[in-house]
Amino acid sequence: MKRLKFKRFFVTLAIIYFCVVIQTSLLPMIEIASIRPNLILIITASFGFMRGPKEGMFVGLFAGLMMDTLFGTVLGFYGLIYLVFGFLNGLFQQIYLDEDIKLPILLISATSLVYGLCIYLFHFVLRGEFAFFIYLNQIILPELIYTIAATIGLYPLILWVNRRLEAEEKRRASKFV
């Protein structure tokens, strides 16, 4: 049983690391109008509603701390934001269905919108910059659309990995019963 937990742990870390590497190295080359999808947000929300608040918080905190070390000016800023998003998306685990992609897209869209508003609030409003509608039209909404498009491609892959891990966990558990 511990072997399966370690396997899930390391697979989750590999997914986080892979998405952070893609987010920081490949996506800047394919950004459109200085906008790129937020893969970290996609995996944090996905693990939240697939596995629950606890795992969503873990994924969010770890991915956020990786982003803090790469981009942040304050260690823990992104870690805290992604931790909260992982927890909040984890609250929807009870109504989440694997087959239905509408709920994941809706949750990731809402999370992306709130993420953009948080970044605006903490990075711009606290510095006295109040051009909200410009930021909304040029950054938040295009990033939201790009993140939704990336979700359509990335979410089935995350779902496939999660199903494979759950199937192996169930197979192992049935051997001990």
Protein backbone atom coordinates (compact mmCIF):
# COMPACT_ATOMS: atom_id res chain seq x y z
CA MET A 1 0.00 0.00 0.00
CA LYS A 2 2.83 2.37 0.82
CA ARG A 3 4.38 1.58 -2.53
CA LEU A 4 1.23 2.85 -4.27
CA LYS A 5 1.23 6.03 -2.22
CA PHE A 6 4.86 6.63 -3.15
CA LYS A 7 4.05 5.94 -6.78
CA ARG A 8 1.14 8.42 -6.73
CA PHE A 9 3.36 10.93 -4.93
CA PHE A 10 6.17 10.67 -7.46
CA VAL A 11 3.82 10.67 -10.46
CA THR A 12 2.16 13.80 -9.08
CA LEU A 13 5.56 15.45 -8.55
CA ALA A 14 6.56 14.49 -12.10
CA ILE A 15 3.37 16.05 -13.50
CA ILE A 16 3.95 19.24 -11.50
CA TYR A 17 7.57 19.43 -12.57
CA PHE A 18 6.69 18.74 -16.21
CA CYS A 19 4.03 21.47 -16.24
CA VAL A 20 6.33 23.99 -14.54
CA VAL A 21 9.07 23.26 -17.08
CA ILE A 22 6.62 23.60 -19.98
CA GLN A 23 5.13 26.75 -18.44
CA THR A 24 8.52 28.39 -18.08
CA SER A 25 10.39 27.16 -21.15
CA LEU A 26 8.08 26.19 -24.01
CA LEU A 27 5.02 28.39 -23.52
CA PRO A 28 6.93 31.71 -23.73
CA MET A 29 7.80 30.71 -27.29
CA ILE A 30 4.16 30.19 -28.29
CA GLU A 31 2.52 33.01 -26.37
CA ILE A 32 0.03 35.17 -28.18
CA ALA A 33 0.12 38.90 -27.41
CA SER A 34 2.25 38.19 -24.29
CA ILE A 35 -0.44 35.81 -23.01
CA ARG A 36 0.12 32.15 -22.24
CA PRO A 37 -2.10 29.51 -20.66
CA ASN A 38 -1.69 28.79 -16.97
CA LEU A 39 -0.82 25.08 -16.82
CA ILE A 40 -0.12 25.27 -13.09
CA LEU A 41 -3.66 26.45 -12.50
CA ILE A 42 -5.01 23.61 -14.64
CA ILE A 43 -3.17 20.87 -12.74
CA THR A 44 -3.92 22.42 -9.34
CA ALA A 45 -7.64 22.63 -10.05
CA SER A 46 -7.70 19.20 -11.71
CA PHE A 47 -6.02 17.43 -8.84
CA GLY A 48 -8.28 19.32 -6.45
CA PHE A 49 -11.57 18.13 -7.87
CA MET A 50 -10.25 14.68 -8.87
CA ARG A 51 -8.53 13.80 -5.59
CA GLY A 52 -10.00 16.17 -3.00
CA PRO A 53 -8.99 19.26 -1.05
CA LYS A 54 -5.97 17.70 0.64
CA GLU A 55 -4.22 16.65 -2.56
CA GLY A 56 -5.34 19.84 -4.31
CA MET A 57 -3.68 21.85 -1.56
CA PHE A 58 -0.48 19.79 -1.81
CA VAL A 59 -0.27 20.19 -5.58
CA GLY A 60 -1.10 23.89 -5.34
CA LEU A 61 1.44 24.59 -2.63
CA PHE A 62 4.26 22.66 -4.28
CA ALA A 63 3.61 24.06 -7.76
CA GLY A 64 3.16 27.56 -6.35
CA LEU A 65 6.44 27.38 -4.44
CA MET A 66 8.18 26.26 -7.63
CA MET A 67 6.69 29.29 -9.40
CA ASP A 68 7.76 31.52 -6.49
CA THR A 69 11.35 30.40 -6.81
CA LEU A 70 11.29 31.05 -10.56
CA PHE A 71 9.23 34.25 -10.85
CA GLY A 72 8.13 35.51 -7.47
CA THR A 73 9.45 38.50 -5.63
CA VAL A 74 8.03 37.19 -2.37
CA LEU A 75 8.47 33.52 -1.46
CA GLY A 76 5.08 31.97 -0.79
CA PHE A 77 2.85 34.36 -2.73
CA TYR A 78 2.03 31.97 -5.57
CA GLY A 79 2.24 29.03 -3.18
CA LEU A 80 -0.55 30.49 -1.05
CA ILE A 81 -2.71 31.43 -4.03
CA TYR A 82 -2.44 27.99 -5.64
CA LEU A 83 -2.92 26.26 -2.25
CA VAL A 84 -6.25 28.08 -1.79
CA PHE A 85 -7.32 27.26 -5.35
CA GLY A 86 -6.44 23.59 -4.84
CA PHE A 87 -8.51 23.51 -1.67
CA LEU A 88 -11.50 25.31 -3.17
CA ASN A 89 -11.55 23.06 -6.24
CA GLY A 90 -11.22 20.05 -3.97
CA LEU A 91 -14.54 20.96 -2.37
CA PHE A 92 -16.19 19.98 -5.66
CA GLN A 93 -14.90 16.40 -5.50
CA GLN A 94 -18.31 15.11 -4.37
CA ILE A 95 -20.10 16.33 -7.51
CA TYR A 96 -17.24 15.64 -9.93
CA LEU A 97 -17.81 13.00 -12.62
CA ASP A 98 -14.94 11.70 -14.77
CA GLU A 99 -16.97 11.56 -17.97
CA ASP A 100 -18.31 15.11 -17.81
CA ILE A 101 -15.86 17.79 -18.95
CA LYS A 102 -18.26 20.69 -18.33
CA LEU A 103 -17.58 20.92 -14.58
CA PRO A 104 -13.76 20.89 -14.95
CA ILE A 105 -13.90 23.57 -17.64
CA LEU A 106 -16.30 25.67 -15.55
CA LEU A 107 -14.17 25.31 -12.40
CA ILE A 108 -10.89 26.00 -14.19
CA SER A 109 -12.47 29.02 -15.91
CA ALA A 110 -13.72 30.42 -12.61
CA THR A 111 -10.38 29.72 -10.96
CA SER A 112 -8.52 31.45 -13.81
CA LEU A 113 -10.77 34.50 -13.53
CA VAL A 114 -10.27 34.73 -9.76
CA TYR A 115 -6.53 34.16 -10.24
CA GLY A 116 -6.36 37.09 -12.65
CA LEU A 117 -8.29 39.27 -10.22
CA CYS A 118 -5.97 38.29 -7.34
CA ILE A 119 -2.88 39.08 -9.39
CA TYR A 120 -4.41 42.42 -10.38
CA LEU A 121 -5.29 43.21 -6.78
CA PHE A 122 -1.96 42.26 -5.21
CA HIS A 123 0.39 43.36 -7.98
CA PHE A 124 -1.29 46.48 -9.32
CA VAL A 125 -3.88 47.94 -6.96
CA LEU A 126 -1.51 47.85 -4.00
CA ARG A 127 0.97 49.87 -6.09
CA GLY A 128 -1.72 52.43 -6.95
CA GLU A 129 -2.39 51.33 -10.53
CA PHE A 130 -6.13 51.28 -11.15
CA ALA A 131 -6.51 50.51 -14.87
CA PHE A 132 -8.83 47.57 -14.17
CA PHE A 133 -10.70 47.42 -17.49
CA ILE A 134 -7.49 47.61 -19.49
CA TYR A 135 -6.00 44.77 -17.42
CA LEU A 136 -9.25 42.80 -17.71
CA ASN A 137 -9.43 43.14 -21.51
CA GLN A 138 -5.74 42.74 -22.27
CA ILE A 139 -4.62 40.17 -19.68
CA ILE A 140 -7.34 38.42 -17.66
CA LEU A 141 -9.84 37.52 -20.39
CA PRO A 142 -7.30 36.47 -23.06
CA GLU A 143 -5.45 34.34 -20.48
CA LEU A 144 -8.80 32.84 -19.44
CA ILE A 145 -9.59 31.87 -23.03
CA TYR A 146 -6.10 30.49 -23.65
CA THR A 147 -6.25 28.51 -20.39
CA ILE A 148 -9.62 27.02 -21.38
CA ALA A 149 -8.15 25.96 -24.73
CA ALA A 150 -5.17 24.38 -22.95
CA THR A 151 -7.54 22.66 -20.51
CA ILE A 152 -9.28 20.91 -23.38
CA GLY A 153 -5.94 19.41 -24.38
CA LEU A 154 -4.32 18.82 -20.97
CA TYR A 155 -7.27 17.69 -18.87
CA PRO A 156 -7.81 14.35 -20.71
CA LEU A 157 -4.15 13.51 -20.11
CA ILE A 158 -4.40 14.26 -16.38
CA LEU A 159 -7.65 12.29 -16.23
CA TRP A 160 -6.00 9.31 -17.97
CA VAL A 161 -3.09 9.31 -15.48
CA ASN A 162 -5.49 9.60 -12.54
CA ARG A 163 -7.64 6.71 -13.81
CA ARG A 164 -4.56 4.51 -14.30
CA LEU A 165 -3.34 5.21 -10.77
CA GLU A 166 -6.79 4.61 -9.27
CA ALA A 167 -7.17 1.34 -11.19
CA GLU A 168 -3.82 0.13 -9.90
CA GLU A 169 -4.74 1.15 -6.35
CA LYS A 170 -8.04 -0.75 -6.59
CA ARG A 171 -6.29 -3.80 -8.02
CA ARG A 172 -3.78 -3.80 -5.17
CA ALA A 173 -6.47 -3.27 -2.56
CA SER A 174 -8.52 -6.20 -3.88
CA LYS A 175 -5.52 -8.52 -3.47
CA PHE A 176 -5.43 -7.83 0.24
CA VAL A 177 -9.14 -8.36 0.85
